[in-house]
């Protein structure tokens, strides 16, 4: 929370005029997940947040479908008096936000998805997570997400859509998700970053995303990668979309 507050001080956003775009993973990326989550919920009029994979893990913990991990920092959320309100807020976060030629996701998009199609697919998942049967659905979505195909149905379809929005980094030649999470320059031959596929269907928008700390802060022609590795002791970053001005604050190295 402390680096985030310093970044806010550097940006100095004006309420009612400026709006923050948060690329997800509000939780489990530092020791004060509860504070960050409460801040984002309290400021949602001036901050739009998409769902991240760690936020999704929190939903799994709350639903009893995900096991605790060694580095989890969500137990204080699960024990909080406002737990139910916070969980409901997290599961109502969109997977995709589109505005003024930009589209924000946590991780990535399939190269064959137009933005309009991606919005439709995001809506399918959002309806599941916001619905009364969300806990049961989470129990059906375990295992590696399948490669996207238009004819997927049921849990496999939902799992595949989630896979691209929440976990995409490198893609295989057939468009399937690859598990390489290091720098793209170190990926196996035949893999490429999801945003580097030639002539993507979403290419009429600039995609803003996080998730890939080993990629780091990178500003491309059609993408803005914003995860500068704060969780690993590098920096927390923001980009002003209208002129691509960069704001960064240093982060402390994680405890051994």
C-alpha atoms as a PDB file:
ATOM      1  CA  UNK A   1       0.000   0.000   0.000  1.00  0.00           C
ATOM      2  CA  UNK A   2       2.871   2.391   0.776  1.00  0.00           C
ATOM      3  CA  UNK A   3       4.347   2.329  -2.785  1.00  0.00           C
ATOM      4  CA  UNK A   4       0.833   2.762  -4.167  1.00  0.00           C
ATOM      5  CA  UNK A   5       0.278   5.820  -2.002  1.00  0.00           C
ATOM      6  CA  UNK A   6       3.614   7.298  -3.126  1.00  0.00           C
ATOM      7  CA  UNK A   7       2.630   6.690  -6.749  1.00  0.00           C
ATOM      8  CA  UNK A   8      -0.700   8.418  -6.162  1.00  0.00           C
ATOM      9  CA  UNK A   9       1.168  11.365  -4.671  1.00  0.00           C
ATOM     10  CA  UNK A  10       3.373  11.517  -7.778  1.00  0.00           C
ATOM     11  CA  UNK A  11       0.396  11.373 -10.127  1.00  0.00           C
ATOM     12  CA  UNK A  12      -1.716  13.717  -8.003  1.00  0.00           C
ATOM     13  CA  UNK A  13      -5.028  12.807  -9.679  1.00  0.00           C
ATOM     14  CA  UNK A  14      -7.894  15.279  -9.381  1.00  0.00           C
ATOM     15  CA  UNK A  15     -11.156  13.626  -8.221  1.00  0.00           C
ATOM     16  CA  UNK A  16     -13.939  14.113 -10.718  1.00  0.00           C
ATOM     17  CA  UNK A  17     -11.510  14.938 -13.534  1.00  0.00           C
ATOM     18  CA  UNK A  18      -8.936  12.144 -13.579  1.00  0.00           C
ATOM     19  CA  UNK A  19      -9.658   8.443 -13.441  1.00  0.00           C
ATOM     20  CA  UNK A  20      -7.236   5.692 -12.510  1.00  0.00           C
ATOM     21  CA  UNK A  21      -7.144   2.466 -14.484  1.00  0.00           C
ATOM     22  CA  UNK A  22      -6.019  -0.445 -12.292  1.00  0.00           C
ATOM     23  CA  UNK A  23      -4.937  -3.565 -14.201  1.00  0.00           C
ATOM     24  CA  UNK A  24      -5.931  -6.038 -11.505  1.00  0.00           C
ATOM     25  CA  UNK A  25      -4.095  -8.099  -8.898  1.00  0.00           C
ATOM     26  CA  UNK A  26      -5.125  -5.747  -6.126  1.00  0.00           C
ATOM     27  CA  UNK A  27      -4.432  -8.574  -3.682  1.00  0.00           C
ATOM     28  CA  UNK A  28      -1.611 -11.044  -3.012  1.00  0.00           C
ATOM     29  CA  UNK A  29       1.067  -8.749  -4.442  1.00  0.00           C
ATOM     30  CA  UNK A  30       2.071  -7.248  -1.100  1.00  0.00           C
ATOM     31  CA  UNK A  31       1.416  -7.462   2.636  1.00  0.00           C
ATOM     32  CA  UNK A  32      -1.613  -5.118   2.796  1.00  0.00           C
ATOM     33  CA  UNK A  33      -4.131  -6.715   0.466  1.00  0.00           C
ATOM     34  CA  UNK A  34      -7.076  -5.764   2.666  1.00  0.00           C
ATOM     35  CA  UNK A  35      -6.118  -2.072   2.715  1.00  0.00           C
ATOM     36  CA  UNK A  36      -5.647  -1.916  -1.059  1.00  0.00           C
ATOM     37  CA  UNK A  37      -8.936  -3.688  -1.702  1.00  0.00           C
ATOM     38  CA  UNK A  38     -10.844  -1.385   0.622  1.00  0.00           C
ATOM     39  CA  UNK A  39      -9.228   1.659  -1.006  1.00  0.00           C
ATOM     40  CA  UNK A  40     -10.184   0.546  -4.528  1.00  0.00           C
ATOM     41  CA  UNK A  41     -13.759  -0.200  -3.504  1.00  0.00           C
ATOM     42  CA  UNK A  42     -14.118   3.137  -1.724  1.00  0.00           C
ATOM     43  CA  UNK A  43     -12.743   5.031  -4.767  1.00  0.00           C
ATOM     44  CA  UNK A  44     -14.517   3.159  -7.549  1.00  0.00           C
ATOM     45  CA  UNK A  45     -16.103   6.402  -8.790  1.00  0.00           C
ATOM     46  CA  UNK A  46     -12.604   7.570  -9.772  1.00  0.00           C
ATOM     47  CA  UNK A  47     -10.893   4.222 -10.442  1.00  0.00           C
ATOM     48  CA  UNK A  48     -11.851   1.426 -12.831  1.00  0.00           C
ATOM     49  CA  UNK A  49     -10.414  -1.999 -11.993  1.00  0.00           C
ATOM     50  CA  UNK A  50     -10.298  -5.196 -14.052  1.00  0.00           C
ATOM     51  CA  UNK A  51     -10.092  -8.638 -12.479  1.00  0.00           C
ATOM     52  CA  UNK A  52      -6.608 -10.140 -12.105  1.00  0.00           C
ATOM     53  CA  UNK A  53      -5.550 -13.749 -11.591  1.00  0.00           C
ATOM     54  CA  UNK A  54      -4.692 -13.116  -7.925  1.00  0.00           C
ATOM     55  CA  UNK A  55      -8.073 -11.490  -7.396  1.00  0.00           C
ATOM     56  CA  UNK A  56      -9.584 -14.590  -9.008  1.00  0.00           C
ATOM     57  CA  UNK A  57      -7.556 -16.741  -6.597  1.00  0.00           C
ATOM     58  CA  UNK A  58      -9.105 -14.792  -3.732  1.00  0.00           C
ATOM     59  CA  UNK A  59     -12.540 -15.738  -5.063  1.00  0.00           C
ATOM     60  CA  UNK A  60     -11.444 -19.369  -5.131  1.00  0.00           C
ATOM     61  CA  UNK A  61     -10.261 -19.158  -1.537  1.00  0.00           C
ATOM     62  CA  UNK A  62     -13.578 -17.583  -0.524  1.00  0.00           C
ATOM     63  CA  UNK A  63     -15.532 -20.248  -2.393  1.00  0.00           C
ATOM     64  CA  UNK A  64     -13.454 -23.117  -0.977  1.00  0.00           C
ATOM     65  CA  UNK A  65     -12.307 -24.211  -4.449  1.00  0.00           C
ATOM     66  CA  UNK A  66      -8.672 -22.989  -4.196  1.00  0.00           C
ATOM     67  CA  UNK A  67      -5.987 -23.983  -1.715  1.00  0.00           C
ATOM     68  CA  UNK A  68      -3.905 -21.463   0.210  1.00  0.00           C
ATOM     69  CA  UNK A  69      -0.503 -20.734  -1.338  1.00  0.00           C
ATOM     70  CA  UNK A  70       2.745 -20.028   0.480  1.00  0.00           C
ATOM     71  CA  UNK A  71       2.815 -16.330  -0.457  1.00  0.00           C
ATOM     72  CA  UNK A  72      -0.909 -15.656   0.044  1.00  0.00           C
ATOM     73  CA  UNK A  73      -1.707 -12.366   1.758  1.00  0.00           C
ATOM     74  CA  UNK A  74      -5.495 -12.669   1.630  1.00  0.00           C
ATOM     75  CA  UNK A  75      -6.289 -14.269   4.995  1.00  0.00           C
ATOM     76  CA  UNK A  76      -7.021 -10.853   6.517  1.00  0.00           C
ATOM     77  CA  UNK A  77      -9.611 -10.283   3.778  1.00  0.00           C
ATOM     78  CA  UNK A  78     -11.256 -13.639   4.432  1.00  0.00           C
ATOM     79  CA  UNK A  79     -11.433 -12.824   8.166  1.00  0.00           C
ATOM     80  CA  UNK A  80     -12.560  -9.208   7.769  1.00  0.00           C
ATOM     81  CA  UNK A  81     -15.984  -8.072   9.011  1.00  0.00           C
ATOM     82  CA  UNK A  82     -16.707  -6.666   5.537  1.00  0.00           C
ATOM     83  CA  UNK A  83     -15.499  -9.847   3.824  1.00  0.00           C
ATOM     84  CA  UNK A  84     -18.766 -10.581   1.998  1.00  0.00           C
ATOM     85  CA  UNK A  85     -19.056  -7.049   0.614  1.00  0.00           C
ATOM     86  CA  UNK A  86     -15.424  -7.143  -0.546  1.00  0.00           C
ATOM     87  CA  UNK A  87     -15.786 -10.562  -2.189  1.00  0.00           C
ATOM     88  CA  UNK A  88     -18.956  -9.461  -3.962  1.00  0.00           C
ATOM     89  CA  UNK A  89     -17.144  -6.346  -5.189  1.00  0.00           C
ATOM     90  CA  UNK A  90     -14.212  -8.379  -6.517  1.00  0.00           C
ATOM     91  CA  UNK A  91     -16.414 -10.835  -8.367  1.00  0.00           C
ATOM     92  CA  UNK A  92     -18.282  -7.961 -10.003  1.00  0.00           C
ATOM     93  CA  UNK A  93     -15.096  -6.531 -11.575  1.00  0.00           C
ATOM     94  CA  UNK A  94     -15.015  -6.592 -15.389  1.00  0.00           C
ATOM     95  CA  UNK A  95     -12.479  -8.579 -17.373  1.00  0.00           C
ATOM     96  CA  UNK A  96     -12.201  -5.848 -20.004  1.00  0.00           C
ATOM     97  CA  UNK A  97     -12.606  -2.072 -19.997  1.00  0.00           C
ATOM     98  CA  UNK A  98     -12.829  -0.212 -23.320  1.00  0.00           C
ATOM     99  CA  UNK A  99     -12.682   3.560 -23.716  1.00  0.00           C
ATOM    100  CA  UNK A 100     -11.411   6.093 -26.272  1.00  0.00           C
ATOM    101  CA  UNK A 101      -9.406   3.645 -28.379  1.00  0.00           C
ATOM    102  CA  UNK A 102      -7.854   1.888 -25.386  1.00  0.00           C
ATOM    103  CA  UNK A 103      -8.751  -1.489 -23.911  1.00  0.00           C
ATOM    104  CA  UNK A 104      -7.576  -2.610 -20.466  1.00  0.00           C
ATOM    105  CA  UNK A 105      -7.181  -6.256 -19.502  1.00  0.00           C
ATOM    106  CA  UNK A 106      -5.177  -7.927 -16.780  1.00  0.00           C
ATOM    107  CA  UNK A 107      -3.106 -10.226 -18.989  1.00  0.00           C
ATOM    108  CA  UNK A 108      -4.016 -10.480 -22.680  1.00  0.00           C
ATOM    109  CA  UNK A 109      -6.298 -11.261 -25.585  1.00  0.00           C
ATOM    110  CA  UNK A 110      -6.500 -13.950 -28.248  1.00  0.00           C
ATOM    111  CA  UNK A 111      -5.207 -12.569 -31.561  1.00  0.00           C
ATOM    112  CA  UNK A 112      -8.438 -13.504 -33.370  1.00  0.00           C
ATOM    113  CA  UNK A 113     -10.653 -11.556 -30.979  1.00  0.00           C
ATOM    114  CA  UNK A 114     -11.881  -8.178 -32.095  1.00  0.00           C
ATOM    115  CA  UNK A 115     -12.543  -5.818 -29.209  1.00  0.00           C
ATOM    116  CA  UNK A 116     -16.286  -6.212 -29.767  1.00  0.00           C
ATOM    117  CA  UNK A 117     -15.969 -10.009 -29.625  1.00  0.00           C
ATOM    118  CA  UNK A 118     -13.719  -9.800 -26.564  1.00  0.00           C
ATOM    119  CA  UNK A 119     -16.380  -7.699 -24.847  1.00  0.00           C
ATOM    120  CA  UNK A 120     -18.976 -10.371 -25.586  1.00  0.00           C
ATOM    121  CA  UNK A 121     -16.721 -13.135 -24.252  1.00  0.00           C
ATOM    122  CA  UNK A 122     -15.856 -11.116 -21.166  1.00  0.00           C
ATOM    123  CA  UNK A 123     -19.583 -10.681 -20.588  1.00  0.00           C
ATOM    124  CA  UNK A 124     -20.087 -14.456 -20.584  1.00  0.00           C
ATOM    125  CA  UNK A 125     -17.577 -14.882 -17.767  1.00  0.00           C
ATOM    126  CA  UNK A 126     -18.773 -11.823 -15.869  1.00  0.00           C
ATOM    127  CA  UNK A 127     -22.312 -13.217 -15.849  1.00  0.00           C
ATOM    128  CA  UNK A 128     -21.004 -16.443 -14.285  1.00  0.00           C
ATOM    129  CA  UNK A 129     -18.902 -14.705 -11.619  1.00  0.00           C
ATOM    130  CA  UNK A 130     -21.682 -12.274 -10.719  1.00  0.00           C
ATOM    131  CA  UNK A 131     -24.372 -14.940 -10.626  1.00  0.00           C
ATOM    132  CA  UNK A 132     -25.735 -16.795  -7.593  1.00  0.00           C
ATOM    133  CA  UNK A 133     -24.052 -20.068  -8.668  1.00  0.00           C
ATOM    134  CA  UNK A 134     -20.524 -18.626  -8.868  1.00  0.00           C
ATOM    135  CA  UNK A 135     -19.047 -20.906  -6.202  1.00  0.00           C
ATOM    136  CA  UNK A 136     -20.098 -24.055  -8.056  1.00  0.00           C
ATOM    137  CA  UNK A 137     -18.761 -22.653 -11.325  1.00  0.00           C
ATOM    138  CA  UNK A 138     -15.344 -21.997  -9.783  1.00  0.00           C
ATOM    139  CA  UNK A 139     -15.202 -25.645  -8.757  1.00  0.00           C
ATOM    140  CA  UNK A 140     -15.554 -26.708 -12.414  1.00  0.00           C
ATOM    141  CA  UNK A 141     -12.751 -24.514 -13.766  1.00  0.00           C
ATOM    142  CA  UNK A 142      -9.628 -26.228 -12.421  1.00  0.00           C
ATOM    143  CA  UNK A 143      -6.708 -27.314 -14.572  1.00  0.00           C
ATOM    144  CA  UNK A 144      -4.891 -25.668 -17.482  1.00  0.00           C
ATOM    145  CA  UNK A 145      -7.180 -23.555 -19.681  1.00  0.00           C
ATOM    146  CA  UNK A 146      -7.799 -25.074 -23.118  1.00  0.00           C
ATOM    147  CA  UNK A 147      -6.763 -23.379 -26.349  1.00  0.00           C
ATOM    148  CA  UNK A 148      -9.514 -21.084 -27.540  1.00  0.00           C
ATOM    149  CA  UNK A 149     -11.946 -22.413 -30.127  1.00  0.00           C
ATOM    150  CA  UNK A 150     -15.222 -20.813 -31.085  1.00  0.00           C
ATOM    151  CA  UNK A 151     -17.106 -24.071 -30.539  1.00  0.00           C
ATOM    152  CA  UNK A 152     -16.094 -24.523 -26.894  1.00  0.00           C
ATOM    153  CA  UNK A 153     -19.026 -24.786 -24.499  1.00  0.00           C
ATOM    154  CA  UNK A 154     -19.705 -24.982 -20.773  1.00  0.00           C
ATOM    155  CA  UNK A 155     -16.854 -24.897 -18.244  1.00  0.00           C
ATOM    156  CA  UNK A 156     -14.186 -25.414 -20.925  1.00  0.00           C
ATOM    157  CA  UNK A 157     -15.365 -22.306 -22.731  1.00  0.00           C
ATOM    158  CA  UNK A 158     -15.377 -20.222 -19.548  1.00  0.00           C
ATOM    159  CA  UNK A 159     -11.961 -21.587 -18.519  1.00  0.00           C
ATOM    160  CA  UNK A 160     -10.471 -20.780 -21.926  1.00  0.00           C
ATOM    161  CA  UNK A 161     -11.774 -17.202 -21.912  1.00  0.00           C
ATOM    162  CA  UNK A 162     -10.460 -16.700 -18.379  1.00  0.00           C
ATOM    163  CA  UNK A 163      -7.107 -18.124 -19.417  1.00  0.00           C
ATOM    164  CA  UNK A 164      -6.468 -15.409 -21.995  1.00  0.00           C
ATOM    165  CA  UNK A 165      -7.829 -12.516 -19.939  1.00  0.00           C
ATOM    166  CA  UNK A 166      -6.065 -13.535 -16.703  1.00  0.00           C
ATOM    167  CA  UNK A 167      -2.945 -15.488 -17.706  1.00  0.00           C
ATOM    168  CA  UNK A 168      -1.826 -14.819 -21.293  1.00  0.00           C
ATOM    169  CA  UNK A 169       1.854 -14.103 -21.853  1.00  0.00           C
ATOM    170  CA  UNK A 170       3.390 -16.210 -24.612  1.00  0.00           C
ATOM    171  CA  UNK A 171       1.345 -18.021 -27.238  1.00  0.00           C
ATOM    172  CA  UNK A 172       2.097 -21.217 -29.099  1.00  0.00           C
ATOM    173  CA  UNK A 173       1.862 -21.253 -32.894  1.00  0.00           C
ATOM    174  CA  UNK A 174      -1.715 -22.592 -32.705  1.00  0.00           C
ATOM    175  CA  UNK A 175      -2.789 -19.745 -30.420  1.00  0.00           C
ATOM    176  CA  UNK A 176      -2.686 -21.847 -27.266  1.00  0.00           C
ATOM    177  CA  UNK A 177      -1.379 -20.391 -24.026  1.00  0.00           C
ATOM    178  CA  UNK A 178       2.237 -21.133 -23.143  1.00  0.00           C
ATOM    179  CA  UNK A 179       3.442 -21.324 -19.534  1.00  0.00           C
ATOM    180  CA  UNK A 180       6.669 -19.349 -20.094  1.00  0.00           C
ATOM    181  CA  UNK A 181       6.632 -16.452 -17.610  1.00  0.00           C
ATOM    182  CA  UNK A 182      10.130 -15.065 -18.084  1.00  0.00           C
ATOM    183  CA  UNK A 183      11.227 -12.359 -20.504  1.00  0.00           C
ATOM    184  CA  UNK A 184       9.949 -13.000 -24.032  1.00  0.00           C
ATOM    185  CA  UNK A 185      13.524 -12.973 -25.339  1.00  0.00           C
ATOM    186  CA  UNK A 186      14.156 -16.162 -23.316  1.00  0.00           C
ATOM    187  CA  UNK A 187      11.083 -18.060 -24.524  1.00  0.00           C
ATOM    188  CA  UNK A 188      11.391 -21.343 -26.450  1.00  0.00           C
ATOM    189  CA  UNK A 189      11.536 -21.123 -30.223  1.00  0.00           C
ATOM    190  CA  UNK A 190       8.153 -20.886 -31.874  1.00  0.00           C
ATOM    191  CA  UNK A 191       6.544 -18.904 -29.056  1.00  0.00           C
ATOM    192  CA  UNK A 192       5.636 -15.237 -29.230  1.00  0.00           C
ATOM    193  CA  UNK A 193       4.061 -12.667 -26.926  1.00  0.00           C
ATOM    194  CA  UNK A 194       0.295 -12.478 -27.343  1.00  0.00           C
ATOM    195  CA  UNK A 195       0.575  -8.787 -28.284  1.00  0.00           C
ATOM    196  CA  UNK A 196       3.223  -9.440 -30.971  1.00  0.00           C
ATOM    197  CA  UNK A 197       1.136 -11.685 -33.222  1.00  0.00           C
ATOM    198  CA  UNK A 198       0.976  -9.955 -36.637  1.00  0.00           C
ATOM    199  CA  UNK A 199      -2.282  -8.244 -37.617  1.00  0.00           C
ATOM    200  CA  UNK A 200      -4.327  -9.059 -34.507  1.00  0.00           C
ATOM    201  CA  UNK A 201      -8.079  -8.591 -34.736  1.00  0.00           C
ATOM    202  CA  UNK A 202      -7.943  -6.210 -31.749  1.00  0.00           C
ATOM    203  CA  UNK A 203      -5.308  -4.048 -33.446  1.00  0.00           C
ATOM    204  CA  UNK A 204      -7.525  -0.981 -33.809  1.00  0.00           C
ATOM    205  CA  UNK A 205      -7.121  -0.441 -30.036  1.00  0.00           C
ATOM    206  CA  UNK A 206      -4.128   0.019 -27.738  1.00  0.00           C
ATOM    207  CA  UNK A 207      -4.153  -2.633 -25.021  1.00  0.00           C
ATOM    208  CA  UNK A 208      -3.177  -1.704 -21.461  1.00  0.00           C
ATOM    209  CA  UNK A 209      -2.215  -4.691 -19.301  1.00  0.00           C
ATOM    210  CA  UNK A 210      -0.175  -5.895 -16.350  1.00  0.00           C
ATOM    211  CA  UNK A 211       0.455  -9.469 -15.128  1.00  0.00           C
ATOM    212  CA  UNK A 212       3.873 -10.005 -16.752  1.00  0.00           C
ATOM    213  CA  UNK A 213       6.478  -8.669 -14.326  1.00  0.00           C
ATOM    214  CA  UNK A 214       9.370 -10.236 -16.260  1.00  0.00           C
ATOM    215  CA  UNK A 215       8.278  -8.251 -19.314  1.00  0.00           C
ATOM    216  CA  UNK A 216       8.426  -5.034 -17.317  1.00  0.00           C
ATOM    217  CA  UNK A 217       7.262  -1.592 -18.319  1.00  0.00           C
ATOM    218  CA  UNK A 218       7.095  -1.460 -22.112  1.00  0.00           C
ATOM    219  CA  UNK A 219       5.273   0.995 -24.344  1.00  0.00           C
ATOM    220  CA  UNK A 220       4.624  -0.342 -27.825  1.00  0.00           C
ATOM    221  CA  UNK A 221       2.665   0.956 -30.779  1.00  0.00           C
ATOM    222  CA  UNK A 222      -0.423  -1.072 -29.819  1.00  0.00           C
ATOM    223  CA  UNK A 223       0.278  -2.055 -26.222  1.00  0.00           C
ATOM    224  CA  UNK A 224       1.232  -0.604 -22.842  1.00  0.00           C
ATOM    225  CA  UNK A 225       2.674  -3.169 -20.430  1.00  0.00           C
ATOM    226  CA  UNK A 226       2.506  -1.695 -16.951  1.00  0.00           C
ATOM    227  CA  UNK A 227       3.816  -4.351 -14.521  1.00  0.00           C
ATOM    228  CA  UNK A 228       7.202  -2.967 -13.492  1.00  0.00           C
ATOM    229  CA  UNK A 229       7.849  -5.675 -10.883  1.00  0.00           C
ATOM    230  CA  UNK A 230       7.052  -3.912  -7.614  1.00  0.00           C
ATOM    231  CA  UNK A 231       6.393  -7.250  -5.940  1.00  0.00           C
ATOM    232  CA  UNK A 232       9.994  -8.247  -6.703  1.00  0.00           C
ATOM    233  CA  UNK A 233      11.522  -5.011  -5.426  1.00  0.00           C
ATOM    234  CA  UNK A 234      11.687  -3.076  -8.687  1.00  0.00           C
ATOM    235  CA  UNK A 235       9.100  -0.308  -9.168  1.00  0.00           C
ATOM    236  CA  UNK A 236       5.399   0.518  -9.312  1.00  0.00           C
ATOM    237  CA  UNK A 237       4.467   2.355 -12.479  1.00  0.00           C
ATOM    238  CA  UNK A 238       1.685   4.340 -14.094  1.00  0.00           C
ATOM    239  CA  UNK A 239       1.281   5.749 -17.598  1.00  0.00           C
ATOM    240  CA  UNK A 240      -0.830   8.778 -18.456  1.00  0.00           C
ATOM    241  CA  UNK A 241      -2.687   7.590 -21.513  1.00  0.00           C
ATOM    242  CA  UNK A 242      -3.145  10.892 -23.328  1.00  0.00           C
ATOM    243  CA  UNK A 243       0.596  11.547 -23.696  1.00  0.00           C
ATOM    244  CA  UNK A 244       2.234   8.331 -22.416  1.00  0.00           C
ATOM    245  CA  UNK A 245       4.039  10.139 -19.626  1.00  0.00           C
ATOM    246  CA  UNK A 246       5.505   7.582 -17.203  1.00  0.00           C
ATOM    247  CA  UNK A 247       5.392   7.807 -13.404  1.00  0.00           C
ATOM    248  CA  UNK A 248       7.396   5.350 -11.266  1.00  0.00           C
ATOM    249  CA  UNK A 249       8.254   4.880  -7.606  1.00  0.00           C
ATOM    250  CA  UNK A 250      10.782   2.359  -6.207  1.00  0.00           C
ATOM    251  CA  UNK A 251       9.624  -0.647  -4.198  1.00  0.00           C
ATOM    252  CA  UNK A 252      11.326  -2.477  -1.366  1.00  0.00           C
ATOM    253  CA  UNK A 253      12.752  -5.926  -2.046  1.00  0.00           C
ATOM    254  CA  UNK A 254      10.573  -8.770  -0.709  1.00  0.00           C
ATOM    255  CA  UNK A 255      11.514 -10.364   2.572  1.00  0.00           C
ATOM    256  CA  UNK A 256      13.646 -13.482   2.243  1.00  0.00           C
END
